[in-house]
Amino acid sequence: GQTDLTIKLPDGYEFSFPNRLNLEAIESSRNLVPALGVLGSRQKHTLPDLPYDYGALEPHINAQIMQLHHSKHHAAYVNNLNVVEEKYQEALKKGDVTAQVALQPALKFNGGGHINHSIFWTNLSPNGGGEPKGELLEAIKRDFGSFEKFKEKLTAVSVGVQGSGWGWLGFNKEQGRLQIAACSNQDPLQGTTGLVPLLGIDVWEHAYYLQYKNVRPDYLKAIWNVINWENVTERYTACKK
């Protein structure tokens, strides 16, 4: 009588596994990421196209970083996720619970990497920057005092991530308010904290080192110039429904 948990990935694919394995369910705003239609149980995950050219975010994030980050790092998460899922399906067929448990960290890491980056690319835009408008701006003022205080807090949390990870603006559905959180490595925000992801800032060194070296605060200062508030607002509106 134990229910299954389901990973929902940005390409529309769902992957269920027994609840007894206690793997966190991963959720994303699938309606904001182009779905590939109804996918079969073994449909391979694919690397999403960027909605802009690699050099479009310059001078804030240079083309070399974007190309490596998207075509190498994100692609590796997608490829590894496909491999891990295949191994997991084999373990399920064999009833090999030991193998299923052993695959959980890789499933979480690569599935989280795929989800996080799929959100990240849409959170950025060459026409970004400035402030959000309408209900999102009002919610930010309500929950953080002002837009500047919000920026300062998310910047501080992101800069303060030890090692690799992400800084996030998320929505707490139970409390009906915005919250800031940090996640380690590729841990997905919703599966880790229950918050719906609205805006993610990647603070892995591969996201900035080639341009900003080890000065993470300079990268954080620059990335605000390319934040796609239209996309963040769409995510906020969708998760309130």
Protein backbone atom coordinates (compact mmCIF):
# COMPACT_ATOMS: atom_id res chain seq x y z
CA GLY A 1 0.00 0.00 0.00
CA GLN A 2 2.91 2.41 -0.26
CA THR A 3 2.53 5.00 -2.99
CA ASP A 4 5.13 5.78 -5.60
CA LEU A 5 7.06 9.02 -5.70
CA THR A 6 7.55 10.71 -9.04
CA ILE A 7 10.38 12.76 -10.48
CA LYS A 8 9.04 15.31 -12.95
CA LEU A 9 11.69 16.65 -15.28
CA PRO A 10 11.64 19.79 -17.45
CA ASP A 11 11.26 17.86 -20.69
CA GLY A 12 7.90 16.52 -19.55
CA TYR A 13 9.14 13.05 -18.62
CA GLU A 14 7.98 11.44 -15.38
CA PHE A 15 9.85 8.69 -13.56
CA SER A 16 8.25 6.81 -10.65
CA PHE A 17 9.93 4.71 -8.01
CA PRO A 18 8.79 2.97 -4.79
CA ASN A 19 8.24 5.30 -1.85
CA ARG A 20 10.17 2.92 0.41
CA LEU A 21 13.38 4.10 -1.26
CA ASN A 22 12.69 7.56 0.17
CA LEU A 23 14.06 9.44 -2.84
CA GLU A 24 12.92 13.05 -2.82
CA ALA A 25 10.33 13.92 -5.43
CA ILE A 26 11.59 16.59 -7.78
CA GLU A 27 9.12 19.14 -9.10
CA SER A 28 9.47 21.89 -11.65
CA SER A 29 7.25 24.38 -13.42
CA ARG A 30 6.80 22.18 -16.46
CA ASN A 31 4.33 24.51 -18.12
CA LEU A 32 7.10 27.13 -18.39
CA VAL A 33 9.60 24.81 -20.06
CA PRO A 34 8.68 23.59 -23.55
CA ALA A 35 7.41 20.04 -23.17
CA LEU A 36 8.22 17.43 -25.79
CA GLY A 37 4.73 16.02 -25.74
CA VAL A 38 3.66 12.77 -24.12
CA LEU A 39 6.85 10.83 -23.55
CA GLY A 40 7.23 7.09 -23.29
CA SER A 41 8.65 5.35 -20.25
CA ARG A 42 12.13 5.18 -21.77
CA GLN A 43 12.19 8.46 -23.68
CA LYS A 44 15.68 9.91 -23.39
CA HIS A 45 16.09 13.29 -21.78
CA THR A 46 17.52 15.93 -24.09
CA LEU A 47 19.48 19.13 -23.64
CA PRO A 48 17.11 22.11 -24.03
CA ASP A 49 18.09 24.82 -26.49
CA LEU A 50 19.08 28.17 -25.05
CA PRO A 51 16.53 30.92 -25.81
CA TYR A 52 19.44 33.20 -26.86
CA ASP A 53 22.95 32.97 -28.33
CA TYR A 54 25.95 32.05 -26.18
CA GLY A 55 27.28 35.59 -26.45
CA ALA A 56 23.96 37.31 -25.79
CA LEU A 57 24.60 37.91 -22.07
CA GLU A 58 27.94 39.67 -22.58
CA PRO A 59 29.60 41.56 -20.98
CA HIS A 60 27.97 40.20 -17.82
CA ILE A 61 28.49 36.50 -18.63
CA ASN A 62 30.82 35.80 -21.51
CA ALA A 63 30.21 33.46 -24.43
CA GLN A 64 32.91 30.96 -23.46
CA ILE A 65 31.31 30.39 -20.06
CA MET A 66 27.85 30.03 -21.55
CA GLN A 67 28.99 27.58 -24.21
CA LEU A 68 30.87 25.37 -21.75
CA HIS A 69 28.15 25.63 -19.12
CA HIS A 70 25.35 24.66 -21.51
CA SER A 71 26.96 22.32 -24.06
CA LYS A 72 29.32 20.54 -21.65
CA HIS A 73 28.13 20.78 -18.03
CA HIS A 74 24.36 20.68 -18.55
CA ALA A 75 24.77 18.12 -21.32
CA ALA A 76 26.71 15.89 -18.92
CA TYR A 77 23.85 15.96 -16.41
CA VAL A 78 21.40 14.98 -19.15
CA ASN A 79 23.58 12.17 -20.48
CA ASN A 80 24.36 10.81 -17.01
CA LEU A 81 20.68 10.98 -16.05
CA ASN A 82 19.80 8.82 -19.04
CA VAL A 83 22.46 6.26 -18.07
CA VAL A 84 21.41 6.20 -14.41
CA GLU A 85 17.73 5.80 -15.27
CA GLU A 86 18.53 2.86 -17.53
CA LYS A 87 20.46 1.19 -14.71
CA TYR A 88 17.61 1.96 -12.32
CA GLN A 89 15.04 0.38 -14.63
CA GLU A 90 17.22 -2.74 -14.83
CA ALA A 91 17.45 -2.85 -11.03
CA LEU A 92 13.66 -2.52 -10.76
CA LYS A 93 13.11 -5.40 -13.19
CA LYS A 94 15.50 -7.58 -11.19
CA GLY A 95 14.00 -6.53 -7.88
CA ASP A 96 17.49 -5.49 -6.77
CA VAL A 97 16.72 -3.06 -3.95
CA THR A 98 20.40 -2.68 -3.04
CA ALA A 99 21.20 -1.42 -6.53
CA GLN A 100 18.15 0.85 -6.49
CA VAL A 101 19.28 2.48 -3.26
CA ALA A 102 22.86 2.80 -4.53
CA LEU A 103 21.65 4.69 -7.61
CA GLN A 104 19.67 7.29 -5.63
CA PRO A 105 22.51 9.82 -5.18
CA ALA A 106 23.35 9.83 -8.90
CA LEU A 107 19.66 10.10 -9.82
CA LYS A 108 19.23 13.06 -7.47
CA PHE A 109 22.46 14.75 -8.58
CA ASN A 110 21.95 14.45 -12.33
CA GLY A 111 18.17 14.89 -12.21
CA GLY A 112 18.65 17.96 -10.04
CA GLY A 113 21.33 19.29 -12.37
CA HIS A 114 18.99 18.93 -15.34
CA ILE A 115 16.09 20.63 -13.55
CA ASN A 116 18.18 23.44 -12.04
CA HIS A 117 19.87 24.39 -15.29
CA SER A 118 16.65 24.19 -17.30
CA ILE A 119 15.22 26.80 -14.94
CA PHE A 120 18.45 28.84 -14.87
CA TRP A 121 18.65 29.42 -18.64
CA THR A 122 15.10 30.79 -18.73
CA ASN A 123 15.78 32.99 -15.68
CA LEU A 124 18.35 34.88 -17.77
CA SER A 125 17.85 37.20 -20.74
CA PRO A 126 19.89 39.72 -22.75
CA ASN A 127 16.92 42.05 -22.19
CA GLY A 128 16.89 41.39 -18.45
CA GLY A 129 17.88 43.43 -15.43
CA GLY A 130 16.08 46.19 -13.64
CA GLU A 131 13.17 45.33 -11.38
CA PRO A 132 10.12 43.11 -11.71
CA LYS A 133 6.71 44.72 -12.06
CA GLY A 134 3.22 44.19 -10.75
CA GLU A 135 2.33 41.50 -8.25
CA LEU A 136 5.84 40.01 -8.01
CA LEU A 137 7.36 43.36 -7.07
CA GLU A 138 4.61 43.90 -4.50
CA ALA A 139 5.22 40.43 -3.04
CA ILE A 140 8.97 41.12 -2.82
CA LYS A 141 8.32 44.39 -1.00
CA ARG A 142 5.86 42.66 1.33
CA ASP A 143 8.16 39.76 2.21
CA PHE A 144 11.58 41.47 2.19
CA GLY A 145 10.84 45.13 2.85
CA SER A 146 12.11 46.44 -0.49
CA PHE A 147 13.56 45.23 -3.77
CA GLU A 148 17.04 46.37 -2.69
CA LYS A 149 16.81 44.41 0.57
CA PHE A 150 15.73 41.36 -1.40
CA LYS A 151 18.70 41.72 -3.76
CA GLU A 152 21.08 42.11 -0.84
CA LYS A 153 19.71 39.02 0.90
CA LEU A 154 19.73 36.73 -2.14
CA THR A 155 23.21 37.98 -3.04
CA ALA A 156 24.48 37.32 0.49
CA VAL A 157 22.94 33.84 0.61
CA SER A 158 24.37 32.97 -2.82
CA VAL A 159 27.84 34.30 -2.04
CA GLY A 160 27.74 32.42 1.26
CA VAL A 161 27.14 28.97 -0.24
CA GLN A 162 30.06 26.82 0.89
CA GLY A 163 31.57 24.96 -2.03
CA SER A 164 29.16 24.38 -4.91
CA GLY A 165 25.44 25.05 -4.95
CA TRP A 166 22.62 27.45 -5.74
CA GLY A 167 20.90 30.50 -4.29
CA TRP A 168 17.13 30.54 -4.83
CA LEU A 169 14.05 32.69 -4.62
CA GLY A 170 11.17 30.31 -4.01
CA PHE A 171 7.49 30.41 -3.18
CA ASN A 172 6.15 28.79 -0.02
CA LYS A 173 2.69 27.59 -1.03
CA GLU A 174 1.61 26.76 2.52
CA GLN A 175 2.46 30.21 3.84
CA GLY A 176 1.71 32.08 0.61
CA ARG A 177 4.97 34.01 0.70
CA LEU A 178 8.35 34.30 -0.97
CA GLN A 179 11.44 32.82 0.65
CA ILE A 180 15.17 32.74 -0.06
CA ALA A 181 17.09 29.50 0.33
CA ALA A 182 20.41 27.92 -0.57
CA CYS A 183 20.88 24.37 -1.84
CA SER A 184 24.11 22.39 -1.93
CA ASN A 185 25.51 20.82 -5.08
CA GLN A 186 22.61 20.09 -7.47
CA ASP A 187 19.99 19.43 -4.79
CA PRO A 188 16.68 20.58 -6.32
CA LEU A 189 14.93 23.35 -4.41
CA GLN A 190 11.45 21.84 -4.28
CA GLY A 191 12.62 18.34 -3.42
CA THR A 192 14.88 19.73 -0.69
CA THR A 193 12.85 22.55 0.87
CA GLY A 194 9.32 22.26 -0.53
CA LEU A 195 9.64 25.74 -2.07
CA VAL A 196 8.57 26.23 -5.69
CA PRO A 197 11.61 27.53 -7.66
CA LEU A 198 11.19 30.99 -9.18
CA LEU A 199 14.74 32.30 -9.61
CA GLY A 200 17.95 30.31 -9.31
CA ILE A 201 21.52 31.60 -9.21
CA ASP A 202 24.15 29.00 -10.02
CA VAL A 203 27.23 29.52 -7.84
CA TRP A 204 29.21 26.52 -8.99
CA GLU A 205 32.62 27.78 -10.11
CA HIS A 206 31.97 26.59 -13.66
CA ALA A 207 29.27 29.31 -13.85
CA TYR A 208 31.73 32.18 -13.42
CA TYR A 209 35.38 31.19 -12.88
CA LEU A 210 36.63 31.80 -16.43
CA GLN A 211 35.49 35.43 -16.18
CA TYR A 212 35.44 36.33 -12.50
CA LYS A 213 38.07 33.88 -11.17
CA ASN A 214 37.42 33.20 -7.48
CA VAL A 215 35.60 36.49 -6.85
CA ARG A 216 32.05 35.20 -6.54
CA PRO A 217 30.64 38.57 -5.34
CA ASP A 218 31.61 40.19 -8.68
CA TYR A 219 29.69 37.50 -10.55
CA LEU A 220 26.66 38.05 -8.31
CA LYS A 221 26.81 41.79 -8.94
CA ALA A 222 26.90 41.21 -12.70
CA ILE A 223 24.17 38.60 -12.97
CA TRP A 224 21.46 41.01 -11.77
CA ASN A 225 21.89 42.80 -15.12
CA VAL A 226 20.56 39.78 -17.02
CA ILE A 227 17.82 38.45 -14.73
CA ASN A 228 14.68 37.75 -16.78
CA TRP A 229 12.01 39.16 -14.48
CA GLU A 230 9.30 38.34 -17.02
CA ASN A 231 10.11 34.64 -16.65
CA VAL A 232 10.33 34.85 -12.85
CA THR A 233 6.95 36.60 -12.79
CA GLU A 234 5.41 33.89 -15.01
CA ARG A 235 6.67 31.25 -12.58
CA TYR A 236 5.25 33.18 -9.63
CA THR A 237 1.85 33.58 -11.29
CA ALA A 238 1.74 29.89 -12.28
CA CYS A 239 2.56 28.53 -8.83
CA LYS A 240 -0.13 30.66 -7.16
CA LYS A 241 -2.92 29.01 -9.16
